[in-house]
PDB file of all heavy atoms in Angstrom:
ATOM      1  N   PRO A   1      13.796   9.669  -4.333  1.00  0.00           N
ATOM      2  CA  PRO A   1      14.166   8.521  -5.079  1.00  0.00           C
ATOM      3  C   PRO A   1      15.302   7.701  -4.444  1.00  0.00           C
ATOM      4  O   PRO A   1      15.431   6.539  -4.673  1.00  0.00           O
ATOM      5  CB  PRO A   1      14.568   9.080  -6.492  1.00  0.00           C
ATOM      6  CG  PRO A   1      14.988  10.494  -6.120  1.00  0.00           C
ATOM      7  CD  PRO A   1      14.072  10.966  -5.076  1.00  0.00           C
ATOM      8  N   GLY A   2      16.060   8.341  -3.572  1.00  0.00           N
ATOM      9  CA  GLY A   2      17.169   7.594  -2.973  1.00  0.00           C
ATOM     10  C   GLY A   2      16.702   6.675  -1.843  1.00  0.00           C
ATOM     11  O   GLY A   2      17.444   5.859  -1.372  1.00  0.00           O
ATOM     12  N   LYS A   3      15.490   6.839  -1.415  1.00  0.00           N
ATOM     13  CA  LYS A   3      14.965   6.086  -0.311  1.00  0.00           C
ATOM     14  C   LYS A   3      14.602   4.642  -0.645  1.00  0.00           C
ATOM     15  O   LYS A   3      14.754   3.729   0.158  1.00  0.00           O
ATOM     16  CB  LYS A   3      13.775   6.782   0.353  1.00  0.00           C
ATOM     17  CG  LYS A   3      13.338   6.162   1.650  1.00  0.00           C
ATOM     18  CD  LYS A   3      12.173   6.904   2.251  1.00  0.00           C
ATOM     19  CE  LYS A   3      11.726   6.318   3.575  1.00  0.00           C
ATOM     20  NZ  LYS A   3      10.649   6.980   4.165  1.00  0.00           N
ATOM     21  N   VAL A   4      14.115   4.456  -1.865  1.00  0.00           N
ATOM     22  CA  VAL A   4      13.676   3.131  -2.289  1.00  0.00           C
ATOM     23  C   VAL A   4      14.387   2.795  -3.613  1.00  0.00           C
ATOM     24  O   VAL A   4      14.610   3.619  -4.449  1.00  0.00           O
ATOM     25  CB  VAL A   4      12.175   2.953  -2.459  1.00  0.00           C
ATOM     26  CG1 VAL A   4      11.505   3.157  -1.152  1.00  0.00           C
ATOM     27  CG2 VAL A   4      11.650   4.171  -3.327  1.00  0.00           C
ATOM     28  N   SER A   5      14.638   1.502  -3.812  1.00  0.00           N
ATOM     29  CA  SER A   5      15.258   1.095  -5.045  1.00  0.00           C
ATOM     30  C   SER A   5      14.252   0.590  -6.028  1.00  0.00           C
ATOM     31  O   SER A   5      13.023   0.418  -5.727  1.00  0.00           O
ATOM     32  CB  SER A   5      16.336  -0.054  -4.738  1.00  0.00           C
ATOM     33  OG  SER A   5      15.683  -1.114  -4.143  1.00  0.00           O
ATOM     34  N   GLU A   6      14.647   0.281  -7.305  1.00  0.00           N
ATOM     35  CA  GLU A   6      13.706  -0.181  -8.248  1.00  0.00           C
ATOM     36  C   GLU A   6      13.012  -1.452  -7.949  1.00  0.00           C
ATOM     37  O   GLU A   6      11.851  -1.662  -8.430  1.00  0.00           O
ATOM     38  CB  GLU A   6      14.398  -0.230  -9.627  1.00  0.00           C
ATOM     39  CG  GLU A   6      14.943   1.082 -10.166  1.00  0.00           C
ATOM     40  CD  GLU A   6      15.665   0.943 -11.438  1.00  0.00           C
ATOM     41  OE1 GLU A   6      15.727  -0.206 -11.980  1.00  0.00           O
ATOM     42  OE2 GLU A   6      16.155   1.975 -12.034  1.00  0.00           O
ATOM     43  N   ASP A   7      13.623  -2.322  -7.270  1.00  0.00           N
ATOM     44  CA  ASP A   7      13.010  -3.645  -6.971  1.00  0.00           C
ATOM     45  C   ASP A   7      12.189  -3.607  -5.686  1.00  0.00           C
ATOM     46  O   ASP A   7      11.734  -4.679  -5.214  1.00  0.00           O
ATOM     47  CB  ASP A   7      14.093  -4.700  -6.927  1.00  0.00           C
ATOM     48  CG  ASP A   7      15.127  -4.444  -5.789  1.00  0.00           C
ATOM     49  OD1 ASP A   7      15.125  -3.299  -5.250  1.00  0.00           O
ATOM     50  OD2 ASP A   7      15.827  -5.401  -5.446  1.00  0.00           O
ATOM     51  N   ASP A   8      12.064  -2.508  -5.063  1.00  0.00           N
ATOM     52  CA  ASP A   8      11.259  -2.411  -3.804  1.00  0.00           C
ATOM     53  C   ASP A   8       9.789  -2.702  -4.117  1.00  0.00           C
ATOM     54  O   ASP A   8       9.284  -2.272  -5.114  1.00  0.00           O
ATOM     55  CB  ASP A   8      11.378  -1.019  -3.232  1.00  0.00           C
ATOM     56  CG  ASP A   8      12.695  -0.921  -2.362  1.00  0.00           C
ATOM     57  OD1 ASP A   8      13.222  -1.908  -2.050  1.00  0.00           O
ATOM     58  OD2 ASP A   8      13.036   0.288  -2.116  1.00  0.00           O
ATOM     59  N   LYS A   9       9.137  -3.392  -3.161  1.00  0.00           N
ATOM     60  CA  LYS A   9       7.754  -3.627  -3.247  1.00  0.00           C
ATOM     61  C   LYS A   9       7.040  -2.751  -2.218  1.00  0.00           C
ATOM     62  O   LYS A   9       5.797  -3.050  -1.998  1.00  0.00           O
ATOM     63  CB  LYS A   9       7.438  -5.118  -2.989  1.00  0.00           C
ATOM     64  CG  LYS A   9       7.914  -6.101  -4.016  1.00  0.00           C
ATOM     65  CD  LYS A   9       7.465  -7.518  -3.730  1.00  0.00           C
ATOM     66  CE  LYS A   9       7.772  -8.470  -4.873  1.00  0.00           C
ATOM     67  NZ  LYS A   9       6.877  -8.201  -6.040  1.00  0.00           N
ATOM     68  N   LEU A  10       7.594  -1.692  -1.756  1.00  0.00           N
ATOM     69  CA  LEU A  10       6.961  -0.944  -0.747  1.00  0.00           C
ATOM     70  C   LEU A  10       5.649  -0.333  -1.246  1.00  0.00           C
ATOM     71  O   LEU A  10       4.693  -0.309  -0.577  1.00  0.00           O
ATOM     72  CB  LEU A  10       7.956   0.221  -0.335  1.00  0.00           C
ATOM     73  CG  LEU A  10       7.387   1.114   0.772  1.00  0.00           C
ATOM     74  CD1 LEU A  10       7.062   0.361   2.026  1.00  0.00           C
ATOM     75  CD2 LEU A  10       8.490   2.192   1.089  1.00  0.00           C
ATOM     76  N   VAL A  11       5.626   0.205  -2.473  1.00  0.00           N
ATOM     77  CA  VAL A  11       4.383   0.762  -3.130  1.00  0.00           C
ATOM     78  C   VAL A  11       3.347  -0.302  -3.111  1.00  0.00           C
ATOM     79  O   VAL A  11       2.223  -0.065  -2.772  1.00  0.00           O
ATOM     80  CB  VAL A  11       4.642   1.314  -4.409  1.00  0.00           C
ATOM     81  CG1 VAL A  11       3.384   1.820  -5.054  1.00  0.00           C
ATOM     82  CG2 VAL A  11       5.669   2.588  -4.302  1.00  0.00           C
ATOM     83  N   GLU A  12       3.730  -1.535  -3.506  1.00  0.00           N
ATOM     84  CA  GLU A  12       2.760  -2.604  -3.631  1.00  0.00           C
ATOM     85  C   GLU A  12       2.176  -3.005  -2.261  1.00  0.00           C
ATOM     86  O   GLU A  12       0.962  -3.230  -2.119  1.00  0.00           O
ATOM     87  CB  GLU A  12       3.423  -3.781  -4.348  1.00  0.00           C
ATOM     88  CG  GLU A  12       2.457  -4.901  -4.718  1.00  0.00           C
ATOM     89  CD  GLU A  12       3.141  -6.039  -5.386  1.00  0.00           C
ATOM     90  OE1 GLU A  12       4.278  -5.882  -5.810  1.00  0.00           O
ATOM     91  OE2 GLU A  12       2.423  -7.062  -5.679  1.00  0.00           O
ATOM     92  N   TYR A  13       3.064  -3.100  -1.234  1.00  0.00           N
ATOM     93  CA  TYR A  13       2.604  -3.416   0.090  1.00  0.00           C
ATOM     94  C   TYR A  13       1.640  -2.359   0.629  1.00  0.00           C
ATOM     95  O   TYR A  13       0.559  -2.648   1.135  1.00  0.00           O
ATOM     96  CB  TYR A  13       3.835  -3.533   1.072  1.00  0.00           C
ATOM     97  CG  TYR A  13       4.843  -4.563   0.746  1.00  0.00           C
ATOM     98  CD1 TYR A  13       6.118  -4.485   1.157  1.00  0.00           C
ATOM     99  CD2 TYR A  13       4.520  -5.710   0.020  1.00  0.00           C
ATOM    100  CE1 TYR A  13       7.090  -5.414   0.963  1.00  0.00           C
ATOM    101  CE2 TYR A  13       5.451  -6.651  -0.252  1.00  0.00           C
ATOM    102  CZ  TYR A  13       6.731  -6.520   0.230  1.00  0.00           C
ATOM    103  OH  TYR A  13       7.704  -7.511   0.003  1.00  0.00           O
ATOM    104  N   ASP A  14       2.049  -1.109   0.427  1.00  0.00           N
ATOM    105  CA  ASP A  14       1.321  -0.006   0.988  1.00  0.00           C
ATOM    106  C   ASP A  14      -0.089   0.116   0.306  1.00  0.00           C
ATOM    107  O   ASP A  14      -1.089   0.312   0.949  1.00  0.00           O
ATOM    108  CB  ASP A  14       2.043   1.326   0.723  1.00  0.00           C
ATOM    109  CG  ASP A  14       1.674   2.397   1.728  1.00  0.00           C
ATOM    110  OD1 ASP A  14       0.768   2.158   2.568  1.00  0.00           O
ATOM    111  OD2 ASP A  14       2.212   3.494   1.618  1.00  0.00           O
ATOM    112  N   ALA A  15      -0.037  -0.076  -1.023  1.00  0.00           N
ATOM    113  CA  ALA A  15      -1.344  -0.049  -1.749  1.00  0.00           C
ATOM    114  C   ALA A  15      -2.294  -1.151  -1.327  1.00  0.00           C
ATOM    115  O   ALA A  15      -3.528  -0.929  -1.227  1.00  0.00           O
ATOM    116  CB  ALA A  15      -1.013  -0.149  -3.216  1.00  0.00           C
ATOM    117  N   LEU A  16      -1.769  -2.360  -1.127  1.00  0.00           N
ATOM    118  CA  LEU A  16      -2.593  -3.482  -0.670  1.00  0.00           C
ATOM    119  C   LEU A  16      -3.219  -3.157   0.715  1.00  0.00           C
ATOM    120  O   LEU A  16      -4.457  -3.303   0.875  1.00  0.00           O
ATOM    121  CB  LEU A  16      -1.821  -4.774  -0.576  1.00  0.00           C
ATOM    122  CG  LEU A  16      -2.521  -5.938  -0.026  1.00  0.00           C
ATOM    123  CD1 LEU A  16      -3.694  -6.341  -0.894  1.00  0.00           C
ATOM    124  CD2 LEU A  16      -1.554  -7.114   0.243  1.00  0.00           C
ATOM    125  N   LEU A  17      -2.400  -2.711   1.663  1.00  0.00           N
ATOM    126  CA  LEU A  17      -2.996  -2.419   2.962  1.00  0.00           C
ATOM    127  C   LEU A  17      -3.996  -1.287   2.901  1.00  0.00           C
ATOM    128  O   LEU A  17      -5.035  -1.337   3.570  1.00  0.00           O
ATOM    129  CB  LEU A  17      -1.837  -2.071   3.906  1.00  0.00           C
ATOM    130  CG  LEU A  17      -0.863  -3.141   4.233  1.00  0.00           C
ATOM    131  CD1 LEU A  17       0.247  -2.623   5.204  1.00  0.00           C
ATOM    132  CD2 LEU A  17      -1.560  -4.345   4.915  1.00  0.00           C
ATOM    133  N   LEU A  18      -3.730  -0.255   2.137  1.00  0.00           N
ATOM    134  CA  LEU A  18      -4.662   0.833   2.016  1.00  0.00           C
ATOM    135  C   LEU A  18      -5.984   0.430   1.387  1.00  0.00           C
ATOM    136  O   LEU A  18      -7.052   0.814   1.827  1.00  0.00           O
ATOM    137  CB  LEU A  18      -4.053   2.037   1.225  1.00  0.00           C
ATOM    138  CG  LEU A  18      -2.958   2.860   1.932  1.00  0.00           C
ATOM    139  CD1 LEU A  18      -2.281   3.776   1.027  1.00  0.00           C
ATOM    140  CD2 LEU A  18      -3.602   3.631   3.115  1.00  0.00           C
ATOM    141  N   ASP A  19      -5.841  -0.362   0.348  1.00  0.00           N
ATOM    142  CA  ASP A  19      -7.087  -0.885  -0.293  1.00  0.00           C
ATOM    143  C   ASP A  19      -7.965  -1.681   0.661  1.00  0.00           C
ATOM    144  O   ASP A  19      -9.208  -1.512   0.718  1.00  0.00           O
ATOM    145  CB  ASP A  19      -6.746  -1.688  -1.533  1.00  0.00           C
ATOM    146  CG  ASP A  19      -7.971  -2.131  -2.266  1.00  0.00           C
ATOM    147  OD1 ASP A  19      -8.703  -1.266  -2.800  1.00  0.00           O
ATOM    148  OD2 ASP A  19      -8.194  -3.353  -2.328  1.00  0.00           O
ATOM    149  N   ARG A  20      -7.297  -2.583   1.382  1.00  0.00           N
ATOM    150  CA  ARG A  20      -8.065  -3.408   2.358  1.00  0.00           C
ATOM    151  C   ARG A  20      -8.671  -2.542   3.463  1.00  0.00           C
ATOM    152  O   ARG A  20      -9.825  -2.798   3.888  1.00  0.00           O
ATOM    153  CB  ARG A  20      -7.098  -4.486   3.028  1.00  0.00           C
ATOM    154  CG  ARG A  20      -6.530  -5.462   2.000  1.00  0.00           C
ATOM    155  CD  ARG A  20      -7.687  -6.341   1.382  1.00  0.00           C
ATOM    156  NE  ARG A  20      -7.212  -7.291   0.446  1.00  0.00           N
ATOM    157  CZ  ARG A  20      -7.014  -7.139  -0.804  1.00  0.00           C
ATOM    158  NH1 ARG A  20      -7.444  -5.962  -1.359  1.00  0.00           N
ATOM    159  NH2 ARG A  20      -6.626  -8.059  -1.608  1.00  0.00           N
ATOM    160  N   PHE A  21      -7.947  -1.497   3.877  1.00  0.00           N
ATOM    161  CA  PHE A  21      -8.474  -0.667   4.904  1.00  0.00           C
ATOM    162  C   PHE A  21      -9.656   0.120   4.439  1.00  0.00           C
ATOM    163  O   PHE A  21     -10.693   0.303   5.108  1.00  0.00           O
ATOM    164  CB  PHE A  21      -7.349   0.283   5.460  1.00  0.00           C
ATOM    165  CG  PHE A  21      -7.966   1.378   6.299  1.00  0.00           C
ATOM    166  CD1 PHE A  21      -8.477   1.087   7.579  1.00  0.00           C
ATOM    167  CD2 PHE A  21      -7.987   2.659   5.856  1.00  0.00           C
ATOM    168  CE1 PHE A  21      -8.989   2.037   8.375  1.00  0.00           C
ATOM    169  CE2 PHE A  21      -8.477   3.641   6.617  1.00  0.00           C
ATOM    170  CZ  PHE A  21      -9.011   3.379   7.927  1.00  0.00           C
ATOM    171  N   LEU A  22      -9.545   0.686   3.188  1.00  0.00           N
ATOM    172  CA  LEU A  22     -10.651   1.466   2.653  1.00  0.00           C
ATOM    173  C   LEU A  22     -11.931   0.649   2.525  1.00  0.00           C
ATOM    174  O   LEU A  22     -13.011   1.065   2.734  1.00  0.00           O
ATOM    175  CB  LEU A  22     -10.220   2.130   1.346  1.00  0.00           C
ATOM    176  CG  LEU A  22      -9.220   3.265   1.533  1.00  0.00           C
ATOM    177  CD1 LEU A  22      -8.791   3.694   0.123  1.00  0.00           C
ATOM    178  CD2 LEU A  22      -9.742   4.416   2.306  1.00  0.00           C
ATOM    179  N   ASP A  23     -11.768  -0.642   2.135  1.00  0.00           N
ATOM    180  CA  ASP A  23     -12.943  -1.507   1.989  1.00  0.00           C
ATOM    181  C   ASP A  23     -13.564  -1.726   3.440  1.00  0.00           C
ATOM    182  O   ASP A  23     -14.765  -1.681   3.620  1.00  0.00           O
ATOM    183  CB  ASP A  23     -12.491  -2.888   1.507  1.00  0.00           C
ATOM    184  CG  ASP A  23     -12.249  -2.827  -0.002  1.00  0.00           C
ATOM    185  OD1 ASP A  23     -12.635  -1.873  -0.664  1.00  0.00           O
ATOM    186  OD2 ASP A  23     -11.601  -3.767  -0.512  1.00  0.00           O
ATOM    187  N   ILE A  24     -12.717  -1.798   4.438  1.00  0.00           N
ATOM    188  CA  ILE A  24     -13.225  -2.035   5.811  1.00  0.00           C
ATOM    189  C   ILE A  24     -13.941  -0.726   6.292  1.00  0.00           C
ATOM    190  O   ILE A  24     -14.968  -0.716   6.950  1.00  0.00           O
ATOM    191  CB  ILE A  24     -12.108  -2.380   6.759  1.00  0.00           C
ATOM    192  CG1 ILE A  24     -11.532  -3.810   6.441  1.00  0.00           C
ATOM    193  CG2 ILE A  24     -12.468  -2.343   8.217  1.00  0.00           C
ATOM    194  CD1 ILE A  24     -10.281  -4.211   7.111  1.00  0.00           C
ATOM    195  N   LEU A  25     -13.299   0.386   5.969  1.00  0.00           N
ATOM    196  CA  LEU A  25     -13.893   1.694   6.305  1.00  0.00           C
ATOM    197  C   LEU A  25     -15.258   1.852   5.709  1.00  0.00           C
ATOM    198  O   LEU A  25     -16.204   2.333   6.335  1.00  0.00           O
ATOM    199  CB  LEU A  25     -12.947   2.864   5.957  1.00  0.00           C
ATOM    200  CG  LEU A  25     -13.328   4.266   6.271  1.00  0.00           C
ATOM    201  CD1 LEU A  25     -13.423   4.428   7.755  1.00  0.00           C
ATOM    202  CD2 LEU A  25     -12.490   5.277   5.548  1.00  0.00           C
ATOM    203  N   GLN A  26     -15.383   1.424   4.438  1.00  0.00           N
ATOM    204  CA  GLN A  26     -16.715   1.551   3.786  1.00  0.00           C
ATOM    205  C   GLN A  26     -17.695   0.594   4.449  1.00  0.00           C
ATOM    206  O   GLN A  26     -18.870   0.986   4.613  1.00  0.00           O
ATOM    207  CB  GLN A  26     -16.535   1.242   2.293  1.00  0.00           C
ATOM    208  CG  GLN A  26     -17.818   1.274   1.495  1.00  0.00           C
ATOM    209  CD  GLN A  26     -17.664   1.086   0.028  1.00  0.00           C
ATOM    210  OE1 GLN A  26     -16.600   1.394  -0.494  1.00  0.00           O
ATOM    211  NE2 GLN A  26     -18.580   0.468  -0.639  1.00  0.00           N
ATOM    212  N   PHE A  27     -17.279  -0.573   4.817  1.00  0.00           N
ATOM    213  CA  PHE A  27     -18.180  -1.564   5.440  1.00  0.00           C
ATOM    214  C   PHE A  27     -18.674  -1.043   6.844  1.00  0.00           C
ATOM    215  O   PHE A  27     -19.782  -1.165   7.126  1.00  0.00           O
ATOM    216  CB  PHE A  27     -17.373  -2.874   5.658  1.00  0.00           C
ATOM    217  CG  PHE A  27     -18.219  -3.813   6.445  1.00  0.00           C
ATOM    218  CD1 PHE A  27     -19.302  -4.577   5.925  1.00  0.00           C
ATOM    219  CD2 PHE A  27     -17.868  -4.107   7.837  1.00  0.00           C
ATOM    220  CE1 PHE A  27     -19.986  -5.503   6.679  1.00  0.00           C
ATOM    221  CE2 PHE A  27     -18.617  -5.014   8.541  1.00  0.00           C
ATOM    222  CZ  PHE A  27     -19.627  -5.739   8.017  1.00  0.00           C
ATOM    223  N   LEU A  28     -17.794  -0.321   7.572  1.00  0.00           N
ATOM    224  CA  LEU A  28     -18.163   0.120   8.887  1.00  0.00           C
ATOM    225  C   LEU A  28     -18.872   1.475   8.821  1.00  0.00           C
ATOM    226  O   LEU A  28     -19.741   1.744   9.755  1.00  0.00           O
ATOM    227  CB  LEU A  28     -16.856   0.230   9.744  1.00  0.00           C
ATOM    228  CG  LEU A  28     -16.101  -1.024  10.082  1.00  0.00           C
ATOM    229  CD1 LEU A  28     -14.841  -0.735  10.845  1.00  0.00           C
ATOM    230  CD2 LEU A  28     -17.037  -1.993  10.887  1.00  0.00           C
TER     231      LEU A  28
END
Protein backbone atom coordinates (compact mmCIF):
# COMPACT_ATOMS: atom_id res chain seq x y z
CA PRO A 1 0.00 0.00 0.00
CA GLY A 2 2.88 2.39 0.49
CA LYS A 3 3.87 2.19 -3.15
CA VAL A 4 0.79 3.91 -4.59
CA SER A 5 -1.44 6.65 -3.22
CA GLU A 6 -5.22 6.85 -3.32
CA ASP A 7 -5.30 9.19 -6.32
CA ASP A 8 -3.02 6.99 -8.43
CA LYS A 9 -4.37 5.86 -11.78
CA LEU A 10 -1.84 3.06 -12.09
CA VAL A 11 -4.48 0.35 -11.79
CA GLU A 12 -6.60 2.08 -14.41
CA TYR A 13 -3.67 2.46 -16.81
CA ASP A 14 -2.57 -1.13 -16.31
CA ALA A 15 -6.11 -2.50 -16.75
CA LEU A 16 -6.60 -0.57 -19.99
CA LEU A 17 -3.36 -1.84 -21.51
CA LEU A 18 -4.03 -5.42 -20.42
CA ASP A 19 -7.54 -5.35 -21.82
CA ARG A 20 -6.35 -4.01 -25.18
CA PHE A 21 -3.59 -6.60 -25.28
CA LEU A 22 -5.92 -9.50 -24.50
CA ASP A 23 -8.23 -8.39 -27.32
CA ILE A 24 -5.24 -8.39 -29.67
CA LEU A 25 -4.11 -11.79 -28.40
CA GLN A 26 -7.57 -13.20 -29.09
CA PHE A 27 -7.56 -11.69 -32.60
CA LEU A 28 -4.17 -13.22 -33.40
